[in-house]
N, C-alpha and C. Protein backbone atom coordinates (compact mmCIF):
# COMPACT_ATOMS: atom_id res chain seq x y z
N MET A 1 -40.38 -26.57 -13.98
CA MET A 1 -41.39 -25.57 -14.29
C MET A 1 -42.12 -25.18 -13.01
N LYS A 2 -42.47 -23.94 -12.94
CA LYS A 2 -43.15 -23.41 -11.77
C LYS A 2 -44.60 -23.90 -11.73
N GLN A 3 -45.02 -24.45 -10.58
CA GLN A 3 -46.42 -24.83 -10.40
C GLN A 3 -47.06 -23.87 -9.41
N ILE A 4 -48.25 -23.42 -9.76
CA ILE A 4 -48.98 -22.50 -8.90
C ILE A 4 -50.33 -23.11 -8.57
N ASP A 5 -50.63 -23.22 -7.28
CA ASP A 5 -51.94 -23.67 -6.83
C ASP A 5 -52.81 -22.44 -6.64
N VAL A 6 -53.99 -22.48 -7.26
CA VAL A 6 -54.89 -21.32 -7.25
C VAL A 6 -56.26 -21.73 -6.74
N ALA A 7 -56.80 -20.93 -5.83
CA ALA A 7 -58.18 -21.12 -5.35
C ALA A 7 -59.07 -20.23 -6.21
N VAL A 8 -60.10 -20.84 -6.82
CA VAL A 8 -60.98 -20.12 -7.74
C VAL A 8 -62.41 -20.22 -7.22
N GLY A 9 -63.10 -19.08 -7.21
CA GLY A 9 -64.48 -19.05 -6.74
C GLY A 9 -65.46 -18.75 -7.86
N ILE A 10 -66.42 -19.65 -8.03
CA ILE A 10 -67.52 -19.38 -8.95
C ILE A 10 -68.63 -18.81 -8.07
N ILE A 11 -68.71 -17.49 -8.05
CA ILE A 11 -69.69 -16.79 -7.21
C ILE A 11 -71.02 -16.84 -7.94
N LYS A 12 -71.99 -17.53 -7.34
CA LYS A 12 -73.27 -17.75 -8.02
C LYS A 12 -74.42 -17.06 -7.30
N ARG A 13 -75.33 -16.56 -8.11
CA ARG A 13 -76.60 -16.03 -7.63
C ARG A 13 -77.62 -16.42 -8.69
N GLU A 14 -78.50 -17.37 -8.35
CA GLU A 14 -79.48 -17.91 -9.29
C GLU A 14 -78.78 -18.40 -10.55
N SER A 15 -79.11 -17.86 -11.73
CA SER A 15 -78.52 -18.35 -12.98
C SER A 15 -77.33 -17.50 -13.43
N GLN A 16 -76.80 -16.68 -12.52
CA GLN A 16 -75.69 -15.81 -12.88
C GLN A 16 -74.44 -16.13 -12.07
N THR A 17 -73.30 -15.71 -12.60
CA THR A 17 -72.03 -15.82 -11.91
C THR A 17 -71.28 -14.50 -12.08
N TYR A 18 -70.43 -14.19 -11.12
CA TYR A 18 -69.67 -12.94 -11.14
C TYR A 18 -68.28 -13.21 -11.71
N ILE A 19 -67.91 -12.47 -12.73
CA ILE A 19 -66.58 -12.62 -13.34
C ILE A 19 -65.84 -11.29 -13.32
N CYS A 20 -64.52 -11.36 -13.42
CA CYS A 20 -63.65 -10.17 -13.39
C CYS A 20 -62.74 -10.20 -14.60
N LYS A 21 -62.33 -9.01 -15.03
CA LYS A 21 -61.38 -8.90 -16.14
C LYS A 21 -59.97 -8.76 -15.57
N ARG A 22 -59.05 -9.57 -16.07
CA ARG A 22 -57.66 -9.53 -15.59
C ARG A 22 -56.98 -8.26 -16.07
N PRO A 23 -56.18 -7.65 -15.18
CA PRO A 23 -55.44 -6.45 -15.59
C PRO A 23 -54.54 -6.76 -16.79
N GLU A 24 -54.40 -5.80 -17.69
CA GLU A 24 -53.61 -5.98 -18.91
C GLU A 24 -52.17 -6.39 -18.63
N ASP A 25 -51.59 -5.93 -17.51
CA ASP A 25 -50.18 -6.20 -17.23
C ASP A 25 -49.92 -7.53 -16.53
N LYS A 26 -50.96 -8.33 -16.31
CA LYS A 26 -50.81 -9.63 -15.63
C LYS A 26 -50.79 -10.76 -16.67
N HIS A 27 -50.36 -11.96 -16.22
CA HIS A 27 -50.44 -13.16 -17.05
C HIS A 27 -51.88 -13.33 -17.51
N GLN A 28 -52.08 -13.58 -18.80
CA GLN A 28 -53.42 -13.72 -19.38
C GLN A 28 -54.23 -12.42 -19.24
N GLY A 29 -53.53 -11.29 -19.24
CA GLY A 29 -54.17 -9.99 -19.07
C GLY A 29 -55.20 -9.69 -20.14
N GLY A 30 -56.26 -8.99 -19.74
CA GLY A 30 -57.33 -8.60 -20.64
C GLY A 30 -58.41 -9.66 -20.81
N LEU A 31 -58.17 -10.86 -20.27
CA LEU A 31 -59.18 -11.92 -20.36
C LEU A 31 -60.04 -11.91 -19.10
N TRP A 32 -61.24 -12.46 -19.22
CA TRP A 32 -62.15 -12.58 -18.08
C TRP A 32 -61.78 -13.81 -17.27
N GLU A 33 -62.12 -13.80 -15.99
CA GLU A 33 -61.81 -14.95 -15.13
C GLU A 33 -62.82 -15.02 -13.99
N PHE A 34 -62.84 -16.19 -13.37
CA PHE A 34 -63.55 -16.35 -12.12
C PHE A 34 -62.57 -15.89 -11.04
N PRO A 35 -63.00 -15.05 -10.09
CA PRO A 35 -62.05 -14.49 -9.13
C PRO A 35 -61.43 -15.54 -8.21
N GLY A 36 -60.27 -15.19 -7.70
CA GLY A 36 -59.54 -16.07 -6.80
C GLY A 36 -58.07 -15.68 -6.84
N GLY A 37 -57.24 -16.57 -6.36
CA GLY A 37 -55.82 -16.26 -6.36
C GLY A 37 -54.99 -17.38 -5.78
N LYS A 38 -53.71 -17.12 -5.71
CA LYS A 38 -52.72 -18.11 -5.30
C LYS A 38 -52.94 -18.56 -3.85
N ILE A 39 -52.78 -19.85 -3.64
CA ILE A 39 -52.85 -20.42 -2.30
C ILE A 39 -51.47 -20.26 -1.67
N GLU A 40 -51.42 -19.57 -0.55
CA GLU A 40 -50.16 -19.32 0.14
C GLU A 40 -49.77 -20.54 0.98
N ALA A 41 -48.49 -20.65 1.30
CA ALA A 41 -47.99 -21.76 2.12
C ALA A 41 -48.76 -21.83 3.43
N GLY A 42 -49.22 -23.02 3.78
CA GLY A 42 -49.93 -23.22 5.04
C GLY A 42 -51.42 -22.95 4.97
N GLU A 43 -51.92 -22.46 3.83
CA GLU A 43 -53.35 -22.18 3.70
C GLU A 43 -54.08 -23.36 3.09
N SER A 44 -55.31 -23.57 3.52
CA SER A 44 -56.18 -24.54 2.86
C SER A 44 -56.82 -23.82 1.65
N VAL A 45 -57.44 -24.59 0.78
CA VAL A 45 -58.15 -23.98 -0.36
C VAL A 45 -59.22 -23.04 0.16
N ALA A 46 -59.98 -23.47 1.16
CA ALA A 46 -61.07 -22.64 1.70
C ALA A 46 -60.53 -21.34 2.30
N GLN A 47 -59.42 -21.42 3.02
CA GLN A 47 -58.83 -20.21 3.61
C GLN A 47 -58.35 -19.25 2.52
N ALA A 48 -57.68 -19.78 1.52
CA ALA A 48 -57.17 -18.95 0.43
C ALA A 48 -58.32 -18.31 -0.33
N LEU A 49 -59.36 -19.09 -0.59
CA LEU A 49 -60.51 -18.57 -1.34
C LEU A 49 -61.20 -17.46 -0.56
N SER A 50 -61.38 -17.67 0.72
CA SER A 50 -62.01 -16.64 1.56
C SER A 50 -61.19 -15.36 1.56
N ARG A 51 -59.87 -15.50 1.73
CA ARG A 51 -58.98 -14.33 1.73
C ARG A 51 -58.98 -13.62 0.39
N GLU A 52 -58.80 -14.38 -0.68
CA GLU A 52 -58.72 -13.80 -2.02
C GLU A 52 -60.02 -13.11 -2.43
N LEU A 53 -61.16 -13.72 -2.15
CA LEU A 53 -62.43 -13.12 -2.55
C LEU A 53 -62.73 -11.87 -1.74
N HIS A 54 -62.26 -11.84 -0.49
CA HIS A 54 -62.43 -10.62 0.30
C HIS A 54 -61.56 -9.51 -0.29
N GLU A 55 -60.31 -9.83 -0.63
CA GLU A 55 -59.40 -8.82 -1.18
C GLU A 55 -59.84 -8.36 -2.57
N GLU A 56 -60.22 -9.31 -3.41
CA GLU A 56 -60.45 -9.02 -4.83
C GLU A 56 -61.84 -8.46 -5.13
N VAL A 57 -62.87 -9.02 -4.49
CA VAL A 57 -64.24 -8.59 -4.81
C VAL A 57 -65.05 -8.17 -3.58
N ALA A 58 -64.40 -8.09 -2.43
CA ALA A 58 -64.98 -7.56 -1.20
C ALA A 58 -66.23 -8.28 -0.70
N ILE A 59 -66.20 -9.62 -0.80
CA ILE A 59 -67.29 -10.38 -0.19
C ILE A 59 -66.73 -11.23 0.95
N ARG A 60 -67.61 -11.63 1.85
CA ARG A 60 -67.27 -12.55 2.93
C ARG A 60 -67.88 -13.91 2.58
N VAL A 61 -67.02 -14.89 2.45
CA VAL A 61 -67.46 -16.24 2.10
C VAL A 61 -67.89 -16.95 3.38
N HIS A 62 -69.10 -17.52 3.36
CA HIS A 62 -69.60 -18.27 4.52
C HIS A 62 -69.35 -19.77 4.35
N SER A 63 -69.54 -20.27 3.13
CA SER A 63 -69.24 -21.67 2.84
C SER A 63 -69.09 -21.84 1.34
N THR A 64 -68.40 -22.92 0.95
CA THR A 64 -68.20 -23.22 -0.46
C THR A 64 -68.45 -24.69 -0.69
N GLU A 65 -68.59 -25.03 -1.96
CA GLU A 65 -68.77 -26.42 -2.35
C GLU A 65 -67.76 -26.73 -3.45
N GLU A 66 -66.99 -27.80 -3.24
CA GLU A 66 -66.00 -28.16 -4.25
C GLU A 66 -66.69 -28.45 -5.57
N PHE A 67 -66.15 -27.91 -6.66
CA PHE A 67 -66.75 -28.05 -7.98
C PHE A 67 -65.90 -28.93 -8.89
N MET A 68 -64.63 -28.61 -9.00
CA MET A 68 -63.73 -29.41 -9.82
C MET A 68 -62.29 -28.94 -9.60
N ARG A 69 -61.36 -29.71 -10.15
CA ARG A 69 -59.95 -29.33 -10.10
C ARG A 69 -59.38 -29.49 -11.50
N ILE A 70 -58.59 -28.52 -11.92
CA ILE A 70 -58.02 -28.54 -13.26
C ILE A 70 -56.52 -28.28 -13.17
N GLU A 71 -55.74 -29.07 -13.90
CA GLU A 71 -54.33 -28.78 -14.05
C GLU A 71 -54.12 -28.35 -15.49
N HIS A 72 -53.38 -27.24 -15.67
CA HIS A 72 -53.17 -26.72 -17.02
C HIS A 72 -51.75 -26.19 -17.17
N ASP A 73 -51.14 -26.54 -18.29
CA ASP A 73 -49.78 -26.09 -18.57
C ASP A 73 -49.85 -24.96 -19.59
N TYR A 74 -49.41 -23.78 -19.18
CA TYR A 74 -49.38 -22.62 -20.08
C TYR A 74 -48.04 -22.49 -20.79
N GLY A 75 -47.13 -23.41 -20.58
CA GLY A 75 -45.81 -23.32 -21.19
C GLY A 75 -44.83 -22.65 -20.24
N ASP A 76 -45.15 -21.43 -19.80
CA ASP A 76 -44.26 -20.73 -18.86
C ASP A 76 -44.58 -21.06 -17.42
N LYS A 77 -45.77 -21.59 -17.18
CA LYS A 77 -46.14 -21.99 -15.82
C LYS A 77 -47.23 -23.06 -15.88
N HIS A 78 -47.26 -23.86 -14.82
CA HIS A 78 -48.26 -24.91 -14.68
C HIS A 78 -49.18 -24.51 -13.53
N VAL A 79 -50.48 -24.46 -13.80
CA VAL A 79 -51.41 -24.08 -12.74
C VAL A 79 -52.30 -25.25 -12.36
N CYS A 80 -52.61 -25.30 -11.08
CA CYS A 80 -53.58 -26.25 -10.56
C CYS A 80 -54.70 -25.41 -9.96
N LEU A 81 -55.86 -25.44 -10.62
CA LEU A 81 -57.00 -24.65 -10.18
C LEU A 81 -57.91 -25.49 -9.30
N HIS A 82 -58.13 -25.01 -8.08
CA HIS A 82 -59.03 -25.66 -7.14
C HIS A 82 -60.31 -24.82 -7.16
N ILE A 83 -61.34 -25.32 -7.87
CA ILE A 83 -62.52 -24.50 -8.13
C ILE A 83 -63.65 -24.88 -7.18
N HIS A 84 -64.22 -23.85 -6.56
CA HIS A 84 -65.34 -24.04 -5.64
C HIS A 84 -66.51 -23.14 -6.04
N ILE A 85 -67.71 -23.64 -5.81
CA ILE A 85 -68.92 -22.83 -5.97
C ILE A 85 -69.09 -22.02 -4.69
N VAL A 86 -69.33 -20.73 -4.84
CA VAL A 86 -69.56 -19.84 -3.71
C VAL A 86 -70.95 -19.24 -3.87
N ALA A 87 -71.93 -19.84 -3.19
CA ALA A 87 -73.30 -19.34 -3.25
C ALA A 87 -73.72 -18.76 -1.90
N ASP A 88 -72.93 -19.03 -0.86
CA ASP A 88 -73.23 -18.57 0.50
C ASP A 88 -72.19 -17.52 0.89
N PHE A 89 -72.55 -16.24 0.68
CA PHE A 89 -71.62 -15.15 0.95
C PHE A 89 -72.42 -13.91 1.35
N SER A 90 -71.72 -12.94 1.91
CA SER A 90 -72.36 -11.66 2.22
C SER A 90 -71.56 -10.55 1.54
N GLY A 91 -72.25 -9.45 1.28
CA GLY A 91 -71.66 -8.34 0.55
C GLY A 91 -72.02 -8.44 -0.92
N GLU A 92 -71.78 -7.36 -1.64
CA GLU A 92 -72.04 -7.32 -3.08
C GLU A 92 -70.70 -7.29 -3.80
N PRO A 93 -70.40 -8.31 -4.62
CA PRO A 93 -69.10 -8.33 -5.28
C PRO A 93 -68.89 -7.11 -6.18
N HIS A 94 -67.69 -6.60 -6.14
CA HIS A 94 -67.28 -5.51 -7.04
C HIS A 94 -65.76 -5.54 -7.17
N GLY A 95 -65.24 -4.87 -8.14
CA GLY A 95 -63.80 -4.86 -8.39
C GLY A 95 -63.06 -4.06 -7.34
N ALA A 96 -62.78 -4.67 -6.19
CA ALA A 96 -62.17 -3.98 -5.06
C ALA A 96 -60.73 -3.55 -5.33
N GLU A 97 -60.11 -4.13 -6.37
CA GLU A 97 -58.74 -3.75 -6.73
C GLU A 97 -58.72 -2.93 -8.01
N GLY A 98 -59.89 -2.37 -8.36
CA GLY A 98 -59.99 -1.51 -9.54
C GLY A 98 -60.28 -2.25 -10.84
N GLN A 99 -60.42 -3.57 -10.78
CA GLN A 99 -60.67 -4.34 -11.98
C GLN A 99 -62.16 -4.28 -12.36
N GLN A 100 -62.42 -4.48 -13.64
CA GLN A 100 -63.79 -4.53 -14.14
C GLN A 100 -64.42 -5.85 -13.72
N GLY A 101 -65.68 -5.82 -13.30
CA GLY A 101 -66.40 -7.03 -12.93
C GLY A 101 -67.82 -6.96 -13.41
N ALA A 102 -68.47 -8.12 -13.53
CA ALA A 102 -69.85 -8.14 -14.02
C ALA A 102 -70.55 -9.43 -13.61
N TRP A 103 -71.84 -9.30 -13.33
CA TRP A 103 -72.70 -10.47 -13.18
C TRP A 103 -73.12 -10.86 -14.59
N VAL A 104 -72.94 -12.11 -14.95
CA VAL A 104 -73.35 -12.57 -16.27
C VAL A 104 -74.14 -13.87 -16.15
N ASP A 105 -75.05 -14.06 -17.09
CA ASP A 105 -75.79 -15.32 -17.12
C ASP A 105 -74.83 -16.44 -17.48
N ILE A 106 -74.93 -17.54 -16.77
CA ILE A 106 -74.06 -18.68 -17.05
C ILE A 106 -74.19 -19.09 -18.52
N ALA A 107 -75.40 -19.03 -19.07
CA ALA A 107 -75.62 -19.39 -20.47
C ALA A 107 -74.85 -18.50 -21.44
N ALA A 108 -74.42 -17.32 -21.00
CA ALA A 108 -73.72 -16.37 -21.88
C ALA A 108 -72.20 -16.37 -21.67
N LEU A 109 -71.66 -17.28 -20.87
CA LEU A 109 -70.23 -17.26 -20.57
C LEU A 109 -69.35 -17.39 -21.81
N ASN A 110 -69.82 -18.12 -22.82
CA ASN A 110 -69.01 -18.27 -24.03
C ASN A 110 -68.89 -16.98 -24.83
N ASP A 111 -69.63 -15.95 -24.45
CA ASP A 111 -69.53 -14.65 -25.12
C ASP A 111 -68.32 -13.85 -24.60
N TYR A 112 -67.64 -14.35 -23.58
CA TYR A 112 -66.52 -13.67 -22.96
C TYR A 112 -65.24 -14.45 -23.22
N ALA A 113 -64.12 -13.74 -23.38
CA ALA A 113 -62.82 -14.39 -23.61
C ALA A 113 -62.19 -14.73 -22.26
N PHE A 114 -61.96 -16.02 -22.02
CA PHE A 114 -61.36 -16.54 -20.79
C PHE A 114 -60.02 -17.20 -21.10
N PRO A 115 -59.14 -17.33 -20.09
CA PRO A 115 -57.93 -18.13 -20.29
C PRO A 115 -58.31 -19.57 -20.65
N GLU A 116 -57.43 -20.22 -21.38
CA GLU A 116 -57.69 -21.58 -21.86
C GLU A 116 -58.05 -22.54 -20.73
N ALA A 117 -57.43 -22.39 -19.58
CA ALA A 117 -57.68 -23.31 -18.46
C ALA A 117 -59.13 -23.23 -17.96
N ASN A 118 -59.85 -22.15 -18.28
CA ASN A 118 -61.21 -21.97 -17.80
C ASN A 118 -62.27 -22.65 -18.67
N VAL A 119 -61.88 -23.14 -19.85
CA VAL A 119 -62.85 -23.74 -20.77
C VAL A 119 -63.61 -24.89 -20.11
N ALA A 120 -62.89 -25.77 -19.41
CA ALA A 120 -63.53 -26.93 -18.76
C ALA A 120 -64.52 -26.47 -17.68
N ILE A 121 -64.19 -25.39 -16.97
CA ILE A 121 -65.10 -24.86 -15.94
C ILE A 121 -66.38 -24.39 -16.60
N ILE A 122 -66.25 -23.62 -17.66
CA ILE A 122 -67.42 -23.08 -18.36
C ILE A 122 -68.27 -24.22 -18.92
N ASN A 123 -67.62 -25.20 -19.53
CA ASN A 123 -68.37 -26.33 -20.09
C ASN A 123 -69.16 -27.06 -19.01
N LYS A 124 -68.56 -27.29 -17.85
CA LYS A 124 -69.27 -27.99 -16.77
C LYS A 124 -70.42 -27.13 -16.23
N LEU A 125 -70.20 -25.82 -16.09
CA LEU A 125 -71.28 -24.93 -15.65
C LEU A 125 -72.45 -24.95 -16.64
N LEU A 126 -72.14 -24.92 -17.93
CA LEU A 126 -73.19 -24.95 -18.96
C LEU A 126 -73.97 -26.26 -18.93
N GLU A 127 -73.27 -27.37 -18.71
CA GLU A 127 -73.92 -28.68 -18.63
C GLU A 127 -74.92 -28.73 -17.47
N GLN A 128 -74.56 -28.06 -16.37
CA GLN A 128 -75.39 -28.13 -15.17
C GLN A 128 -76.49 -27.07 -15.12
N SER A 129 -76.44 -26.09 -16.02
CA SER A 129 -77.44 -25.00 -15.94
C SER A 129 -78.69 -25.33 -16.72
């Protein structure tokens, strides 16, 4: 089975986080997600996260803090999510690739449909807020 390592950024500002809606034609399309993307060969999690967040939401990451790691089997693929908190960044996040994005209160995250692998992330964020 194919394993994909993904760098995920929880972009935080006070009690809010920035989320994006996955394009309909992608795996788990139409669901909301924390931005990020595949870690390329030779990249560290921090390098991949910095690159992906610049491409996807047009911010410059200055530093991150490791939050958690999740392995999830979707049946057709196995993902390993390397999740970091991104509170130190410059720029205003927006859907740089045309995707819908929004700042949402962490307390309201359960009002949005996320891929199954994100449930543990949301639960941990809610516990800490």
